[in-house]
Every structure is written in structure tokens, then in C-alpha cells.
């Protein structure tokens, strides 16, 4: 690198792509992400009740909620 030039800071999308590259791939367009969530008991119970009402697995429902949140934030 030439003297006086600072390296370009990676974009968040580039950092995210690198981070997700290490996750388990289920298909070309899906990855498995494993993490724990800490919620207030009241919120955890409300989330579980919603999953039961909708007859869904809670993990599937949380994935749907997260995907919808990302869709809403995209310009």
C-alpha cells in the first residue's frame, strides 16, 4: 500500500457476507444460524403463546419475524 494511504474500511454488507460464510449452509440460499435470545419472561410467554396460536414451531416463527423485520428495513 502506498505511503499515506489508509486502508478502506469494509462495508457492513461485506463484513456480514464474511461472517455468514462460516455458518452451516442448508442450500444455496439458506444458512443455519444458532444463537440464544434473552427475553423478559412476559415477552417469552407472549412469543410462545403466539407460536401456539399460529400452530408453528417457535424457532420457525422467530425466523419469520426476523425476516419480515429485515424486509421492512430495506430501502
N, C-alpha and C. Protein backbone atom coordinates (compact mmCIF):
# COMPACT_ATOMS: atom_id res chain seq x y z
N UNK A 1 0.85 -1.17 0.00
CA UNK A 1 0.00 0.00 0.00
C UNK A 1 0.90 1.24 0.00
N UNK A 2 0.58 2.22 -0.85
CA UNK A 2 1.40 3.44 -0.90
C UNK A 2 1.38 4.18 0.43
N UNK A 3 2.50 4.84 0.71
CA UNK A 3 2.61 5.60 1.97
C UNK A 3 1.54 6.69 2.01
N UNK A 4 0.98 6.92 3.18
CA UNK A 4 -0.01 7.97 3.35
C UNK A 4 -1.44 7.55 3.07
N UNK A 5 -1.63 6.40 2.48
CA UNK A 5 -2.99 5.92 2.20
C UNK A 5 -3.46 5.03 3.34
N UNK A 6 -4.66 5.28 3.79
CA UNK A 6 -5.23 4.42 4.82
C UNK A 6 -6.08 3.35 4.14
N UNK A 7 -6.10 2.17 4.70
CA UNK A 7 -6.91 1.11 4.08
C UNK A 7 -8.39 1.46 4.14
N UNK A 8 -9.12 1.03 3.13
CA UNK A 8 -10.56 1.25 3.08
C UNK A 8 -11.24 0.39 4.13
N UNK A 9 -12.14 0.99 4.87
CA UNK A 9 -12.90 0.26 5.88
C UNK A 9 -13.96 -0.59 5.16
N UNK A 10 -14.04 -1.89 5.49
CA UNK A 10 -15.04 -2.73 4.81
C UNK A 10 -16.46 -2.26 5.11
N UNK A 11 -17.32 -2.41 4.13
CA UNK A 11 -18.73 -2.08 4.30
C UNK A 11 -19.39 -3.12 5.20
N UNK A 12 -20.45 -2.73 5.93
CA UNK A 12 -21.16 -3.71 6.78
C UNK A 12 -21.62 -4.93 6.00
N UNK A 13 -22.06 -4.72 4.74
CA UNK A 13 -22.51 -5.85 3.93
C UNK A 13 -21.37 -6.82 3.64
N UNK A 14 -20.17 -6.31 3.45
CA UNK A 14 -19.00 -7.16 3.22
C UNK A 14 -18.65 -7.96 4.47
N UNK A 15 -18.68 -7.29 5.62
CA UNK A 15 -18.41 -7.98 6.88
C UNK A 15 -19.47 -9.04 7.16
N UNK A 16 -20.73 -8.72 6.88
CA UNK A 16 -21.82 -9.67 7.10
C UNK A 16 -21.65 -10.90 6.20
N UNK A 17 -21.31 -10.68 4.94
CA UNK A 17 -21.12 -11.79 3.99
C UNK A 17 -20.03 -12.72 4.50
N UNK A 18 -18.93 -12.14 5.00
CA UNK A 18 -17.84 -12.96 5.54
C UNK A 18 -18.28 -13.73 6.77
N UNK A 19 -19.04 -13.09 7.65
CA UNK A 19 -19.50 -13.75 8.87
C UNK A 19 -20.44 -14.91 8.55
N UNK A 20 -21.36 -14.68 7.64
CA UNK A 20 -22.36 -15.71 7.30
C UNK A 20 -21.72 -16.85 6.51
N UNK A 21 -20.61 -16.59 5.84
CA UNK A 21 -19.92 -17.64 5.08
C UNK A 21 -19.50 -18.79 5.99
N UNK A 22 -19.36 -18.52 7.29
CA UNK A 22 -18.92 -19.55 8.23
C UNK A 22 -20.09 -20.34 8.83
N UNK A 23 -21.32 -19.94 8.53
CA UNK A 23 -22.50 -20.64 9.05
C UNK A 23 -22.76 -21.89 8.23
N UNK A 24 -23.50 -22.82 8.83
CA UNK A 24 -23.85 -24.06 8.14
C UNK A 24 -24.79 -23.77 6.97
N UNK A 25 -24.42 -24.21 5.79
CA UNK A 25 -25.24 -24.00 4.60
C UNK A 25 -26.24 -25.14 4.47
N UNK A 26 -27.52 -24.79 4.31
CA UNK A 26 -28.57 -25.80 4.12
C UNK A 26 -28.92 -25.96 2.65
N UNK A 27 -28.77 -24.90 1.90
CA UNK A 27 -29.00 -24.89 0.46
C UNK A 27 -28.26 -23.65 -0.06
N UNK A 28 -28.25 -23.44 -1.36
CA UNK A 28 -27.52 -22.26 -1.85
C UNK A 28 -28.02 -20.93 -1.27
N UNK A 29 -29.29 -20.87 -0.87
CA UNK A 29 -29.83 -19.60 -0.38
C UNK A 29 -30.26 -19.62 1.09
N UNK A 30 -29.89 -20.67 1.84
CA UNK A 30 -30.27 -20.74 3.25
C UNK A 30 -29.09 -21.18 4.11
N UNK A 31 -28.98 -20.58 5.30
CA UNK A 31 -27.96 -20.97 6.28
C UNK A 31 -28.63 -21.18 7.62
N UNK A 32 -28.01 -22.00 8.44
CA UNK A 32 -28.50 -22.22 9.80
C UNK A 32 -27.69 -21.34 10.74
N UNK A 33 -28.38 -20.48 11.46
CA UNK A 33 -27.73 -19.63 12.46
C UNK A 33 -28.23 -20.09 13.83
N UNK A 34 -27.32 -20.34 14.72
CA UNK A 34 -27.67 -20.79 16.05
C UNK A 34 -27.24 -19.74 17.05
N UNK A 35 -28.20 -19.27 17.84
CA UNK A 35 -27.89 -18.30 18.89
C UNK A 35 -28.97 -18.36 19.96
N UNK A 36 -28.68 -17.79 21.09
CA UNK A 36 -29.63 -17.73 22.19
C UNK A 36 -30.18 -16.33 22.31
N UNK A 37 -31.41 -16.24 22.74
CA UNK A 37 -32.05 -14.95 22.92
C UNK A 37 -32.48 -14.85 24.39
N UNK A 38 -32.20 -13.72 25.00
CA UNK A 38 -32.62 -13.49 26.38
C UNK A 38 -33.79 -12.51 26.34
N UNK A 39 -34.93 -12.94 26.85
CA UNK A 39 -36.15 -12.13 26.85
C UNK A 39 -36.70 -12.04 28.26
N UNK A 40 -37.45 -10.98 28.51
CA UNK A 40 -38.23 -10.93 29.74
C UNK A 40 -39.22 -12.10 29.70
N UNK A 41 -39.50 -12.67 30.85
CA UNK A 41 -40.42 -13.80 30.91
C UNK A 41 -41.75 -13.47 30.22
N UNK A 42 -42.25 -12.27 30.47
CA UNK A 42 -43.53 -11.85 29.88
C UNK A 42 -43.47 -11.92 28.35
N UNK A 43 -42.38 -11.41 27.77
CA UNK A 43 -42.25 -11.43 26.31
C UNK A 43 -42.05 -12.85 25.79
N UNK A 44 -41.30 -13.66 26.51
CA UNK A 44 -41.09 -15.05 26.10
C UNK A 44 -42.41 -15.81 26.10
N UNK A 45 -43.23 -15.59 27.11
CA UNK A 45 -44.53 -16.26 27.18
C UNK A 45 -45.45 -15.78 26.06
N UNK A 46 -45.41 -14.48 25.77
CA UNK A 46 -46.24 -13.94 24.68
C UNK A 46 -45.81 -14.54 23.34
N UNK A 47 -44.51 -14.67 23.14
CA UNK A 47 -43.99 -15.25 21.91
C UNK A 47 -44.40 -16.72 21.79
N UNK A 48 -44.30 -17.46 22.88
CA UNK A 48 -44.69 -18.87 22.89
C UNK A 48 -46.20 -19.00 22.63
N UNK A 49 -46.99 -18.12 23.23
CA UNK A 49 -48.45 -18.17 23.03
C UNK A 49 -48.79 -17.89 21.56
N UNK A 50 -48.09 -16.94 20.96
CA UNK A 50 -48.33 -16.64 19.54
C UNK A 50 -47.99 -17.85 18.68
N UNK A 51 -46.88 -18.50 18.97
CA UNK A 51 -46.49 -19.69 18.20
C UNK A 51 -47.55 -20.79 18.34
N UNK A 52 -48.06 -20.96 19.54
CA UNK A 52 -49.09 -21.98 19.76
C UNK A 52 -50.36 -21.63 19.00
N UNK A 53 -50.78 -20.35 19.08
CA UNK A 53 -51.98 -19.92 18.36
C UNK A 53 -51.84 -20.15 16.86
N UNK A 54 -50.66 -19.84 16.33
CA UNK A 54 -50.42 -19.97 14.89
C UNK A 54 -50.01 -21.39 14.50
N UNK A 55 -49.96 -22.29 15.50
CA UNK A 55 -49.59 -23.69 15.28
C UNK A 55 -48.25 -23.79 14.55
N UNK A 56 -47.27 -23.05 15.05
CA UNK A 56 -45.94 -23.05 14.47
C UNK A 56 -44.91 -23.41 15.52
N UNK A 57 -43.81 -23.93 15.06
CA UNK A 57 -42.64 -24.14 15.90
C UNK A 57 -42.10 -22.75 16.23
N UNK A 58 -41.74 -22.54 17.48
CA UNK A 58 -41.30 -21.19 17.90
C UNK A 58 -40.07 -20.73 17.12
N UNK A 59 -39.15 -21.62 16.80
CA UNK A 59 -37.96 -21.23 16.04
C UNK A 59 -38.34 -20.77 14.64
N UNK A 60 -39.28 -21.45 14.01
CA UNK A 60 -39.75 -21.05 12.68
C UNK A 60 -40.42 -19.69 12.74
N UNK A 61 -41.23 -19.49 13.76
CA UNK A 61 -41.93 -18.22 13.89
C UNK A 61 -40.95 -17.07 14.11
N UNK A 62 -39.95 -17.28 14.96
CA UNK A 62 -38.94 -16.24 15.20
C UNK A 62 -38.18 -15.94 13.91
N UNK A 63 -37.86 -16.96 13.12
CA UNK A 63 -37.18 -16.74 11.84
C UNK A 63 -38.06 -15.90 10.91
N UNK A 64 -39.35 -16.17 10.88
CA UNK A 64 -40.27 -15.38 10.06
C UNK A 64 -40.32 -13.93 10.53
N UNK A 65 -40.36 -13.72 11.84
CA UNK A 65 -40.39 -12.36 12.39
C UNK A 65 -39.11 -11.61 12.00
N UNK A 66 -37.96 -12.27 12.13
CA UNK A 66 -36.69 -11.63 11.78
C UNK A 66 -36.61 -11.31 10.29
N UNK A 67 -37.06 -12.23 9.46
CA UNK A 67 -37.04 -12.00 8.01
C UNK A 67 -37.93 -10.82 7.63
N UNK A 68 -39.10 -10.73 8.25
CA UNK A 68 -40.02 -9.63 7.98
C UNK A 68 -39.41 -8.30 8.44
N UNK A 69 -38.72 -8.30 9.57
CA UNK A 69 -38.08 -7.08 10.07
C UNK A 69 -37.01 -6.60 9.08
N UNK A 70 -36.26 -7.53 8.51
CA UNK A 70 -35.23 -7.15 7.53
C UNK A 70 -35.90 -6.61 6.26
N UNK A 71 -36.96 -7.26 5.80
CA UNK A 71 -37.67 -6.79 4.60
C UNK A 71 -38.18 -5.36 4.79
N UNK A 72 -38.71 -5.06 5.97
CA UNK A 72 -39.26 -3.72 6.24
C UNK A 72 -38.17 -2.65 6.25
N UNK A 73 -36.96 -3.01 6.62
CA UNK A 73 -35.87 -2.04 6.73
C UNK A 73 -35.18 -1.78 5.40
N UNK A 74 -35.37 -2.64 4.44
CA UNK A 74 -34.70 -2.44 3.14
C UNK A 74 -35.33 -1.25 2.42
N UNK A 75 -34.46 -0.44 1.82
CA UNK A 75 -34.97 0.74 1.09
C UNK A 75 -35.70 0.38 -0.18
